[in-house]
């Protein structure tokens, strides 16, 4: 049985085209989320490495290394989202 709604009738199965569209949208969503997760991991690793270097420099009494600069890839990823 497909699934009974609260009204007691059986819902129609979705069309193959609708299922295909839903599957493709889900794949795109997953790809976008995976890319965002990978970008966050790269940034976190970079920041941790930089913080370790700063701590090492401070312990040795030297001036800390220059600040982190964002790469072109990181800048372009945030530019695509328009919040207005």
Protein backbone atom coordinates (compact mmCIF):
# COMPACT_ATOMS: atom_id res chain seq x y z
CA UNK A 1 0.00 0.00 0.00
CA UNK A 2 1.40 3.44 -0.89
CA UNK A 3 0.48 5.43 2.16
CA UNK A 4 -2.75 6.46 3.72
CA UNK A 5 -3.32 10.09 4.40
CA UNK A 6 -5.43 11.39 7.23
CA UNK A 7 -8.42 11.44 4.87
CA UNK A 8 -8.20 7.72 4.26
CA UNK A 9 -7.37 7.52 0.56
CA UNK A 10 -4.22 6.15 -0.98
CA UNK A 11 -1.74 8.70 -2.31
CA UNK A 12 -0.61 8.41 -5.91
CA UNK A 13 2.96 7.27 -6.51
CA UNK A 14 5.22 10.03 -7.80
CA UNK A 15 6.01 10.14 -11.50
CA UNK A 16 9.41 8.89 -12.70
CA UNK A 17 10.25 12.41 -13.88
CA UNK A 18 9.55 13.82 -10.44
CA UNK A 19 11.65 11.13 -8.77
CA UNK A 20 14.50 11.85 -11.19
CA UNK A 21 14.33 15.60 -10.53
CA UNK A 22 14.31 15.00 -6.76
CA UNK A 23 17.30 12.65 -7.04
CA UNK A 24 19.29 15.15 -9.11
CA UNK A 25 18.48 17.99 -6.70
CA UNK A 26 19.58 15.83 -3.76
CA UNK A 27 22.86 15.01 -5.53
CA UNK A 28 23.54 18.70 -6.17
CA UNK A 29 22.75 19.55 -2.55
CA UNK A 30 25.10 16.84 -1.32
CA UNK A 31 27.87 18.01 -3.65
CA UNK A 32 27.48 21.62 -2.47
CA UNK A 33 27.53 20.57 1.20
CA UNK A 34 30.58 18.36 0.69
CA UNK A 35 32.44 21.23 -1.00
CA UNK A 36 31.56 23.59 1.85
CA UNK A 37 32.70 21.02 4.40
CA UNK A 38 36.01 20.51 2.57
CA UNK A 39 36.60 24.26 2.36
CA UNK A 40 35.93 24.65 6.09
CA UNK A 41 38.35 21.81 6.87
CA UNK A 42 41.10 23.40 4.73
CA UNK A 43 40.60 26.77 6.43
CA UNK A 44 40.63 25.16 9.87
CA UNK A 45 43.87 23.30 9.13
CA UNK A 46 45.48 26.48 7.82
CA UNK A 47 44.40 28.44 10.88
CA UNK A 48 45.65 25.75 13.29
CA UNK A 49 49.02 25.63 11.55
CA UNK A 50 49.28 29.41 11.67
CA UNK A 51 48.36 29.49 15.37
CA UNK A 52 51.03 26.88 16.14
CA UNK A 53 53.62 28.91 14.27
CA UNK A 54 52.60 32.05 16.17
CA UNK A 55 52.91 30.25 19.51
CA UNK A 56 56.32 28.89 18.53
CA UNK A 57 57.52 32.35 17.49
CA UNK A 58 56.26 33.86 20.77
CA UNK A 59 58.06 31.21 22.83
CA UNK A 60 61.30 31.96 20.99
CA UNK A 61 60.82 35.70 21.49
CA UNK A 62 60.55 36.48 17.78
CA UNK A 63 57.89 38.51 16.06
CA UNK A 64 54.89 36.45 14.96
CA UNK A 65 54.53 35.53 11.27
CA UNK A 66 52.38 37.71 9.05
CA UNK A 67 48.63 37.39 9.23
CA UNK A 68 46.75 34.87 7.14
CA UNK A 69 45.58 36.04 3.76
CA UNK A 70 42.61 34.41 2.14
CA UNK A 71 43.24 32.69 -1.15
CA UNK A 72 41.39 33.40 -4.38
CA UNK A 73 39.45 30.15 -4.02
CA UNK A 74 38.14 31.05 -0.57
CA UNK A 75 37.18 34.56 -1.68
CA UNK A 76 35.28 33.37 -4.74
CA UNK A 77 33.24 30.83 -2.79
CA UNK A 78 31.69 33.47 -0.54
CA UNK A 79 31.16 35.94 -3.39
CA UNK A 80 28.57 33.71 -5.04
CA UNK A 81 26.03 34.13 -2.25
CA UNK A 82 24.04 37.32 -2.43
CA UNK A 83 22.32 38.25 0.80
CA UNK A 84 20.19 41.25 0.11
